[in-house]
Amino acid sequence: MSAQSPVLFLSHGAPPLVDSALWVDQLTRLGAELPRPTAILVISAHWEAAPLTIGSTDASTPLTYDFWGFPERFYRTTYDSPGAPELASRVAAMMPDGEPIAHDPRRRLDHGAYVPLTVMYPDADIPVLQISLPTLDPERLLALGRRLAPLRDEGVLIIGSGFTTHGLPYLDDPSPDAVPPTWSSEFDDWAHGCFDRGDVESLIDFRRKAPGMPYAHPTIEHFSPLFVALGASGNPEQAAAQPIDGFWMGLAKRSLVLN
């Protein structure tokens, strides 16, 4: 019997985040502290598709290099983790009767999934599956997380991969060590308090209640995976551990462990 796995919300960063010694150290230590997963299920900000779509379970399917303008070495990254067909079947069986489910055998892990996994589990020896964000509605994503929660009892690590702030169009200084803009630091401070208090009601209404909006999230897909993670936690109103914080390029990389 596998130990129940925690749930993560990770601020995954662009591919160059792997050049940040601090982030790599933080994420490496986090991976070492977690129970070893039997499999990993990732919901990334970079894949929106309705209905819920299950990605490739074939390890030979190429990674999804869903970015541009970076040095060539980032397009040569590989992560040959085993496919997870059994997990794909379990996920499909957990969805409500009559709710459509799609499969995309051509789409494997995008950088929201494989970038943090190359740091946490560099041996790529754990089966990984990615599914799409079928909606950006927080309530519906919470419900999706609740449906996925039993996977934790099977040792599956569920990861919502986004970014605590993601106002790329409003960055005046995109250097890695830039001083965070006010809208980013204020949103991060607000989110920190909500995570400490388990204030799910405020998080659901972040577009109206959070300071720094809409600059912190001019589009909301990078905050949306949080709600799948909260739903899968089983008790989203408990305080969340926040092992990673700080900023990169002025963006808040606060990340959560939910038990």
C-alpha atoms as a PDB file:
ATOM      1  CA  MET A   1       0.000   0.000   0.000  1.00  0.00           C
ATOM      2  CA  SER A   2       1.522   3.323  -1.073  1.00  0.00           C
ATOM      3  CA  ALA A   3       1.677   6.220   1.355  1.00  0.00           C
ATOM      4  CA  GLN A   4      -0.721   9.017   0.512  1.00  0.00           C
ATOM      5  CA  SER A   5       1.052  11.509  -1.672  1.00  0.00           C
ATOM      6  CA  PRO A   6       0.903  15.262  -1.069  1.00  0.00           C
ATOM      7  CA  VAL A   7      -0.243  17.683  -3.778  1.00  0.00           C
ATOM      8  CA  LEU A   8       1.908  20.464  -5.227  1.00  0.00           C
ATOM      9  CA  PHE A   9       1.373  23.836  -6.818  1.00  0.00           C
ATOM     10  CA  LEU A  10       4.632  24.806  -8.505  1.00  0.00           C
ATOM     11  CA  SER A  11       5.670  28.092 -10.040  1.00  0.00           C
ATOM     12  CA  HIS A  12       7.490  26.399 -12.857  1.00  0.00           C
ATOM     13  CA  GLY A  13       9.151  29.270 -14.697  1.00  0.00           C
ATOM     14  CA  ALA A  14      10.427  29.555 -18.223  1.00  0.00           C
ATOM     15  CA  PRO A  15      13.140  27.099 -19.323  1.00  0.00           C
ATOM     16  CA  PRO A  16      15.991  29.429 -18.195  1.00  0.00           C
ATOM     17  CA  LEU A  17      14.825  29.071 -14.595  1.00  0.00           C
ATOM     18  CA  VAL A  18      17.003  25.944 -14.477  1.00  0.00           C
ATOM     19  CA  ASP A  19      19.954  28.362 -14.560  1.00  0.00           C
ATOM     20  CA  SER A  20      18.875  29.777 -11.188  1.00  0.00           C
ATOM     21  CA  ALA A  21      21.008  28.005  -8.591  1.00  0.00           C
ATOM     22  CA  LEU A  22      18.599  29.019  -5.830  1.00  0.00           C
ATOM     23  CA  TRP A  23      15.485  27.641  -7.564  1.00  0.00           C
ATOM     24  CA  VAL A  24      17.271  24.422  -8.490  1.00  0.00           C
ATOM     25  CA  ASP A  25      18.422  23.977  -4.892  1.00  0.00           C
ATOM     26  CA  GLN A  26      14.930  24.685  -3.523  1.00  0.00           C
ATOM     27  CA  LEU A  27      13.250  22.280  -5.933  1.00  0.00           C
ATOM     28  CA  THR A  28      15.876  19.581  -5.497  1.00  0.00           C
ATOM     29  CA  ARG A  29      15.398  19.657  -1.728  1.00  0.00           C
ATOM     30  CA  LEU A  30      11.612  19.577  -2.147  1.00  0.00           C
ATOM     31  CA  GLY A  31      11.803  16.499  -4.365  1.00  0.00           C
ATOM     32  CA  ALA A  32      14.089  14.751  -1.873  1.00  0.00           C
ATOM     33  CA  GLU A  33      11.714  15.440   1.024  1.00  0.00           C
ATOM     34  CA  LEU A  34       8.609  14.040  -0.690  1.00  0.00           C
ATOM     35  CA  PRO A  35       7.602  10.377  -0.646  1.00  0.00           C
ATOM     36  CA  ARG A  36       8.691   8.751  -3.879  1.00  0.00           C
ATOM     37  CA  PRO A  37       5.657   8.795  -6.199  1.00  0.00           C
ATOM     38  CA  THR A  38       4.351   5.743  -7.994  1.00  0.00           C
ATOM     39  CA  ALA A  39       3.430   8.084 -10.858  1.00  0.00           C
ATOM     40  CA  ILE A  40       3.076  11.812 -11.496  1.00  0.00           C
ATOM     41  CA  LEU A  41       0.030  13.633 -12.893  1.00  0.00           C
ATOM     42  CA  VAL A  42       0.621  17.195 -14.121  1.00  0.00           C
ATOM     43  CA  ILE A  43      -1.875  19.922 -14.973  1.00  0.00           C
ATOM     44  CA  SER A  44       0.058  22.770 -16.589  1.00  0.00           C
ATOM     45  CA  ALA A  45      -0.886  26.347 -17.394  1.00  0.00           C
ATOM     46  CA  HIS A  46       0.406  25.731 -20.901  1.00  0.00           C
ATOM     47  CA  TRP A  47      -2.242  23.290 -22.018  1.00  0.00           C
ATOM     48  CA  GLU A  48      -5.815  24.531 -22.181  1.00  0.00           C
ATOM     49  CA  ALA A  49      -8.134  22.128 -23.984  1.00  0.00           C
ATOM     50  CA  ALA A  50     -11.784  21.251 -23.531  1.00  0.00           C
ATOM     51  CA  PRO A  51     -13.061  18.698 -22.960  1.00  0.00           C
ATOM     52  CA  LEU A  52     -10.525  17.299 -20.527  1.00  0.00           C
ATOM     53  CA  THR A  53      -7.780  15.864 -22.695  1.00  0.00           C
ATOM     54  CA  ILE A  54      -5.350  13.137 -21.709  1.00  0.00           C
ATOM     55  CA  GLY A  55      -1.883  13.422 -23.197  1.00  0.00           C
ATOM     56  CA  SER A  56       0.408  10.814 -24.661  1.00  0.00           C
ATOM     57  CA  THR A  57       1.236   7.700 -22.661  1.00  0.00           C
ATOM     58  CA  ASP A  58       4.050   6.772 -25.060  1.00  0.00           C
ATOM     59  CA  ALA A  59       7.521   7.700 -23.825  1.00  0.00           C
ATOM     60  CA  SER A  60       8.725   8.042 -27.429  1.00  0.00           C
ATOM     61  CA  THR A  61       6.391  10.979 -28.089  1.00  0.00           C
ATOM     62  CA  PRO A  62       8.531  14.153 -28.288  1.00  0.00           C
ATOM     63  CA  LEU A  63       8.293  16.778 -25.578  1.00  0.00           C
ATOM     64  CA  THR A  64       6.240  19.875 -26.344  1.00  0.00           C
ATOM     65  CA  TYR A  65       8.657  22.803 -26.715  1.00  0.00           C
ATOM     66  CA  ASP A  66       5.965  25.450 -26.317  1.00  0.00           C
ATOM     67  CA  PHE A  67       8.221  28.509 -26.194  1.00  0.00           C
ATOM     68  CA  TRP A  68      10.346  30.560 -28.545  1.00  0.00           C
ATOM     69  CA  GLY A  69      13.295  32.915 -28.572  1.00  0.00           C
ATOM     70  CA  PHE A  70      15.479  30.963 -26.143  1.00  0.00           C
ATOM     71  CA  PRO A  71      18.983  29.538 -26.708  1.00  0.00           C
ATOM     72  CA  GLU A  72      19.104  26.329 -28.726  1.00  0.00           C
ATOM     73  CA  ARG A  73      20.129  24.219 -25.726  1.00  0.00           C
ATOM     74  CA  PHE A  74      16.645  24.565 -24.240  1.00  0.00           C
ATOM     75  CA  TYR A  75      15.150  22.914 -27.322  1.00  0.00           C
ATOM     76  CA  ARG A  76      17.474  19.947 -26.863  1.00  0.00           C
ATOM     77  CA  THR A  77      16.241  19.114 -23.367  1.00  0.00           C
ATOM     78  CA  THR A  78      14.873  15.597 -23.087  1.00  0.00           C
ATOM     79  CA  TYR A  79      12.922  13.892 -20.342  1.00  0.00           C
ATOM     80  CA  ASP A  80      12.317  10.268 -21.217  1.00  0.00           C
ATOM     81  CA  SER A  81      10.074   9.311 -18.325  1.00  0.00           C
ATOM     82  CA  PRO A  82       7.959   6.179 -18.767  1.00  0.00           C
ATOM     83  CA  GLY A  83       4.463   6.623 -20.108  1.00  0.00           C
ATOM     84  CA  ALA A  84       1.567   6.136 -17.729  1.00  0.00           C
ATOM     85  CA  PRO A  85      -1.230   4.247 -19.537  1.00  0.00           C
ATOM     86  CA  GLU A  86      -2.627   2.807 -16.309  1.00  0.00           C
ATOM     87  CA  LEU A  87      -2.862   6.271 -14.797  1.00  0.00           C
ATOM     88  CA  ALA A  88      -4.537   7.555 -17.956  1.00  0.00           C
ATOM     89  CA  SER A  89      -7.184   4.847 -17.604  1.00  0.00           C
ATOM     90  CA  ARG A  90      -7.705   5.703 -13.944  1.00  0.00           C
ATOM     91  CA  VAL A  91      -8.131   9.405 -14.710  1.00  0.00           C
ATOM     92  CA  ALA A  92     -10.666   8.654 -17.444  1.00  0.00           C
ATOM     93  CA  ALA A  93     -12.635   6.376 -15.116  1.00  0.00           C
ATOM     94  CA  MET A  94     -12.827   9.111 -12.463  1.00  0.00           C
ATOM     95  CA  MET A  95     -14.645  11.582 -14.673  1.00  0.00           C
ATOM     96  CA  PRO A  96     -18.437  11.849 -14.353  1.00  0.00           C
ATOM     97  CA  ASP A  97     -20.583   9.624 -16.545  1.00  0.00           C
ATOM     98  CA  GLY A  98     -21.544  11.395 -19.712  1.00  0.00           C
ATOM     99  CA  GLU A  99     -18.749  13.973 -19.494  1.00  0.00           C
ATOM    100  CA  PRO A 100     -16.661  13.817 -22.656  1.00  0.00           C
ATOM    101  CA  ILE A 101     -12.957  13.001 -22.470  1.00  0.00           C
ATOM    102  CA  ALA A 102     -10.470  13.433 -25.287  1.00  0.00           C
ATOM    103  CA  HIS A 103      -7.074  11.874 -25.944  1.00  0.00           C
ATOM    104  CA  ASP A 104      -4.183  13.508 -27.754  1.00  0.00           C
ATOM    105  CA  PRO A 105      -1.482  10.896 -28.428  1.00  0.00           C
ATOM    106  CA  ARG A 106       0.706  13.522 -30.157  1.00  0.00           C
ATOM    107  CA  ARG A 107       1.026  15.801 -27.125  1.00  0.00           C
ATOM    108  CA  ARG A 108       3.457  14.886 -24.394  1.00  0.00           C
ATOM    109  CA  LEU A 109       4.875  16.989 -21.560  1.00  0.00           C
ATOM    110  CA  ASP A 110       5.210  20.752 -22.045  1.00  0.00           C
ATOM    111  CA  HIS A 111       7.748  22.915 -20.225  1.00  0.00           C
ATOM    112  CA  GLY A 112       5.344  23.512 -17.347  1.00  0.00           C
ATOM    113  CA  ALA A 113       5.678  19.794 -16.651  1.00  0.00           C
ATOM    114  CA  TYR A 114       9.138  18.689 -17.691  1.00  0.00           C
ATOM    115  CA  VAL A 115      11.180  21.706 -16.548  1.00  0.00           C
ATOM    116  CA  PRO A 116      10.487  21.191 -12.819  1.00  0.00           C
ATOM    117  CA  LEU A 117      10.627  17.416 -13.188  1.00  0.00           C
ATOM    118  CA  THR A 118      14.139  17.539 -14.662  1.00  0.00           C
ATOM    119  CA  VAL A 119      15.185  19.104 -11.349  1.00  0.00           C
ATOM    120  CA  MET A 120      13.032  17.118  -8.913  1.00  0.00           C
ATOM    121  CA  TYR A 121      13.384  13.700 -10.544  1.00  0.00           C
ATOM    122  CA  PRO A 122      16.356  13.955 -12.928  1.00  0.00           C
ATOM    123  CA  ASP A 123      16.556  10.179 -13.482  1.00  0.00           C
ATOM    124  CA  ALA A 124      13.221  10.331 -15.346  1.00  0.00           C
ATOM    125  CA  ASP A 125      12.296   6.914 -13.988  1.00  0.00           C
ATOM    126  CA  ILE A 126       8.775   7.693 -12.705  1.00  0.00           C
ATOM    127  CA  PRO A 127       5.774   7.403 -15.065  1.00  0.00           C
ATOM    128  CA  VAL A 128       4.375  10.857 -15.910  1.00  0.00           C
ATOM    129  CA  LEU A 129       1.046  11.856 -17.449  1.00  0.00           C
ATOM    130  CA  GLN A 130      -0.162  15.321 -18.383  1.00  0.00           C
ATOM    131  CA  ILE A 131      -3.803  16.308 -18.732  1.00  0.00           C
ATOM    132  CA  SER A 132      -5.240  19.564 -19.986  1.00  0.00           C
ATOM    133  CA  LEU A 133      -6.870  22.435 -18.166  1.00  0.00           C
ATOM    134  CA  PRO A 134     -10.441  21.941 -19.419  1.00  0.00           C
ATOM    135  CA  THR A 135     -11.624  25.279 -18.011  1.00  0.00           C
ATOM    136  CA  LEU A 136     -10.277  28.322 -16.176  1.00  0.00           C
ATOM    137  CA  ASP A 137     -13.233  28.507 -13.810  1.00  0.00           C
ATOM    138  CA  PRO A 138     -11.911  28.057 -10.236  1.00  0.00           C
ATOM    139  CA  GLU A 139     -14.998  26.235  -8.946  1.00  0.00           C
ATOM    140  CA  ARG A 140     -14.921  23.695 -11.768  1.00  0.00           C
ATOM    141  CA  LEU A 141     -11.188  23.167 -11.309  1.00  0.00           C
ATOM    142  CA  LEU A 142     -11.688  22.580  -7.595  1.00  0.00           C
ATOM    143  CA  ALA A 143     -14.256  19.931  -8.519  1.00  0.00           C
ATOM    144  CA  LEU A 144     -11.805  18.338 -10.946  1.00  0.00           C
ATOM    145  CA  GLY A 145      -9.189  18.206  -8.205  1.00  0.00           C
ATOM    146  CA  ARG A 146     -11.649  16.546  -5.839  1.00  0.00           C
ATOM    147  CA  ARG A 147     -12.328  13.851  -8.426  1.00  0.00           C
ATOM    148  CA  LEU A 148      -8.613  13.212  -8.829  1.00  0.00           C
ATOM    149  CA  ALA A 149      -7.898  13.137  -5.079  1.00  0.00           C
ATOM    150  CA  PRO A 150      -8.194   9.325  -4.640  1.00  0.00           C
ATOM    151  CA  LEU A 151      -5.092   8.935  -6.804  1.00  0.00           C
ATOM    152  CA  ARG A 152      -3.102  10.221  -3.835  1.00  0.00           C
ATOM    153  CA  ASP A 153      -3.895   7.004  -1.956  1.00  0.00           C
ATOM    154  CA  GLU A 154      -2.157   5.146  -4.774  1.00  0.00           C
ATOM    155  CA  GLY A 155       1.002   7.222  -4.358  1.00  0.00           C
ATOM    156  CA  VAL A 156       0.360   9.479  -7.366  1.00  0.00           C
ATOM    157  CA  LEU A 157       1.889  12.935  -7.055  1.00  0.00           C
ATOM    158  CA  ILE A 158      -0.549  15.523  -8.443  1.00  0.00           C
ATOM    159  CA  ILE A 159       1.125  18.749  -9.582  1.00  0.00           C
ATOM    160  CA  GLY A 160      -0.596  21.948 -10.598  1.00  0.00           C
ATOM    161  CA  SER A 161       2.050  23.871 -12.509  1.00  0.00           C
ATOM    162  CA  GLY A 162       1.626  27.612 -13.021  1.00  0.00           C
ATOM    163  CA  PHE A 163       3.106  30.779 -11.551  1.00  0.00           C
ATOM    164  CA  THR A 164       2.026  32.882  -8.576  1.00  0.00           C
ATOM    165  CA  THR A 165       2.394  36.040 -10.659  1.00  0.00           C
ATOM    166  CA  HIS A 166       2.774  36.118 -14.430  1.00  0.00           C
ATOM    167  CA  GLY A 167       2.508  39.687 -15.666  1.00  0.00           C
ATOM    168  CA  LEU A 168       5.075  39.317 -18.422  1.00  0.00           C
ATOM    169  CA  PRO A 169       3.766  42.247 -20.521  1.00  0.00           C
ATOM    170  CA  TYR A 170       4.321  44.619 -17.592  1.00  0.00           C
ATOM    171  CA  LEU A 171       7.910  43.756 -16.706  1.00  0.00           C
ATOM    172  CA  ASP A 172      10.248  46.720 -17.141  1.00  0.00           C
ATOM    173  CA  ASP A 173      13.305  44.703 -16.152  1.00  0.00           C
ATOM    174  CA  PRO A 174      13.182  41.034 -17.193  1.00  0.00           C
ATOM    175  CA  SER A 175      16.588  40.162 -15.735  1.00  0.00           C
ATOM    176  CA  PRO A 176      16.595  37.164 -13.355  1.00  0.00           C
ATOM    177  CA  ASP A 177      17.441  39.249 -10.265  1.00  0.00           C
ATOM    178  CA  ALA A 178      15.132  42.176 -11.046  1.00  0.00           C
ATOM    179  CA  VAL A 179      13.409  43.981  -8.185  1.00  0.00           C
ATOM    180  CA  PRO A 180       9.797  42.779  -8.325  1.00  0.00           C
ATOM    181  CA  PRO A 181       7.241  45.356  -9.478  1.00  0.00           C
ATOM    182  CA  THR A 182       4.773  46.508  -6.853  1.00  0.00           C
ATOM    183  CA  TRP A 183       1.924  44.624  -8.503  1.00  0.00           C
ATOM    184  CA  SER A 184       3.920  41.368  -8.216  1.00  0.00           C
ATOM    185  CA  SER A 185       5.080  41.815  -4.620  1.00  0.00           C
ATOM    186  CA  GLU A 186       1.637  42.932  -3.434  1.00  0.00           C
ATOM    187  CA  PHE A 187      -0.121  40.007  -5.110  1.00  0.00           C
ATOM    188  CA  ASP A 188       2.448  37.586  -3.702  1.00  0.00           C
ATOM    189  CA  ASP A 189       2.032  38.969  -0.186  1.00  0.00           C
ATOM    190  CA  TRP A 190      -1.754  38.669  -0.493  1.00  0.00           C
ATOM    191  CA  ALA A 191      -1.486  35.088  -1.803  1.00  0.00           C
ATOM    192  CA  HIS A 192       0.936  34.207   1.005  1.00  0.00           C
ATOM    193  CA  GLY A 193      -1.666  35.277   3.565  1.00  0.00           C
ATOM    194  CA  CYS A 194      -4.463  33.411   1.800  1.00  0.00           C
ATOM    195  CA  PHE A 195      -2.392  30.224   1.706  1.00  0.00           C
ATOM    196  CA  ASP A 196      -1.535  30.596   5.403  1.00  0.00           C
ATOM    197  CA  ARG A 197      -5.199  31.053   6.331  1.00  0.00           C
ATOM    198  CA  GLY A 198      -6.640  28.559   3.875  1.00  0.00           C
ATOM    199  CA  ASP A 199      -8.774  31.387   2.501  1.00  0.00           C
ATOM    200  CA  VAL A 200     -10.121  29.559  -0.520  1.00  0.00           C
ATOM    201  CA  GLU A 201     -13.049  31.950  -0.913  1.00  0.00           C
ATOM    202  CA  SER A 202     -10.707  34.893  -1.514  1.00  0.00           C
ATOM    203  CA  LEU A 203      -8.482  32.853  -3.819  1.00  0.00           C
ATOM    204  CA  ILE A 204     -11.481  31.902  -5.948  1.00  0.00           C
ATOM    205  CA  ASP A 205     -12.303  35.588  -6.308  1.00  0.00           C
ATOM    206  CA  PHE A 206      -8.678  36.659  -6.884  1.00  0.00           C
ATOM    207  CA  ARG A 207      -9.530  38.694  -9.967  1.00  0.00           C
ATOM    208  CA  ARG A 208     -11.519  41.107  -7.801  1.00  0.00           C
ATOM    209  CA  LYS A 209      -9.925  40.735  -4.366  1.00  0.00           C
ATOM    210  CA  ALA A 210      -6.195  40.494  -4.998  1.00  0.00           C
ATOM    211  CA  PRO A 211      -4.027  43.621  -5.140  1.00  0.00           C
ATOM    212  CA  GLY A 212      -1.917  43.956  -8.252  1.00  0.00           C
ATOM    213  CA  MET A 213      -4.636  42.757 -10.590  1.00  0.00           C
ATOM    214  CA  PRO A 214      -4.908  42.653 -13.534  1.00  0.00           C
ATOM    215  CA  TYR A 215      -1.158  43.218 -13.916  1.00  0.00           C
ATOM    216  CA  ALA A 216      -0.184  40.163 -11.868  1.00  0.00           C
ATOM    217  CA  HIS A 217      -2.326  37.966 -14.139  1.00  0.00           C
ATOM    218  CA  PRO A 218      -3.415  39.735 -17.327  1.00  0.00           C
ATOM    219  CA  THR A 219      -4.533  36.271 -18.385  1.00  0.00           C
ATOM    220  CA  ILE A 220      -5.376  33.811 -15.649  1.00  0.00           C
ATOM    221  CA  GLU A 221      -4.145  30.442 -16.901  1.00  0.00           C
ATOM    222  CA  HIS A 222      -1.003  30.536 -14.731  1.00  0.00           C
ATOM    223  CA  PHE A 223      -2.996  30.823 -11.498  1.00  0.00           C
ATOM    224  CA  SER A 224      -5.639  28.304 -12.546  1.00  0.00           C
ATOM    225  CA  PRO A 225      -3.714  25.054 -11.842  1.00  0.00           C
ATOM    226  CA  LEU A 226      -3.696  26.111  -8.192  1.00  0.00           C
ATOM    227  CA  PHE A 227      -7.383  25.254  -7.943  1.00  0.00           C
ATOM    228  CA  VAL A 228      -6.917  21.687  -9.172  1.00  0.00           C
ATOM    229  CA  ALA A 229      -4.239  21.278  -6.506  1.00  0.00           C
ATOM    230  CA  LEU A 230      -6.462  22.758  -3.802  1.00  0.00           C
ATOM    231  CA  GLY A 231      -9.326  20.460  -4.764  1.00  0.00           C
ATOM    232  CA  ALA A 232      -7.090  17.389  -4.775  1.00  0.00           C
ATOM    233  CA  SER A 233      -5.759  18.257  -1.323  1.00  0.00           C
ATOM    234  CA  GLY A 234      -9.026  17.160   0.257  1.00  0.00           C
ATOM    235  CA  ASN A 235      -8.905  20.033   2.730  1.00  0.00           C
ATOM    236  CA  PRO A 236      -8.150  23.237   0.825  1.00  0.00           C
ATOM    237  CA  GLU A 237      -8.926  25.379   3.869  1.00  0.00           C
ATOM    238  CA  GLN A 238      -5.933  24.100   5.829  1.00  0.00           C
ATOM    239  CA  ALA A 239      -2.709  26.120   5.880  1.00  0.00           C
ATOM    240  CA  ALA A 240      -0.375  25.198   3.052  1.00  0.00           C
ATOM    241  CA  ALA A 241       3.354  24.703   3.408  1.00  0.00           C
ATOM    242  CA  GLN A 242       5.207  27.200   1.207  1.00  0.00           C
ATOM    243  CA  PRO A 243       8.725  25.805   0.751  1.00  0.00           C
ATOM    244  CA  ILE A 244       9.615  28.032  -2.212  1.00  0.00           C
ATOM    245  CA  ASP A 245       9.136  31.781  -2.343  1.00  0.00           C
ATOM    246  CA  GLY A 246      10.962  34.816  -3.685  1.00  0.00           C
ATOM    247  CA  PHE A 247      11.038  36.223  -7.194  1.00  0.00           C
ATOM    248  CA  TRP A 248      12.597  35.534 -10.575  1.00  0.00           C
ATOM    249  CA  MET A 249      12.432  38.173 -13.311  1.00  0.00           C
ATOM    250  CA  GLY A 250      10.219  40.029 -10.855  1.00  0.00           C
ATOM    251  CA  LEU A 251       7.641  37.224 -10.873  1.00  0.00           C
ATOM    252  CA  ALA A 252       6.611  35.458  -7.658  1.00  0.00           C
ATOM    253  CA  LYS A 253       7.726  31.827  -7.619  1.00  0.00           C
ATOM    254  CA  ARG A 254       5.835  30.919  -4.458  1.00  0.00           C
ATOM    255  CA  SER A 255       5.022  27.200  -4.461  1.00  0.00           C
ATOM    256  CA  LEU A 256       2.889  25.024  -2.182  1.00  0.00           C
ATOM    257  CA  VAL A 257       2.781  21.578  -0.619  1.00  0.00           C
ATOM    258  CA  LEU A 258      -0.734  20.514   0.350  1.00  0.00           C
ATOM    259  CA  ASN A 259      -1.284  17.451   2.551  1.00  0.00           C
END
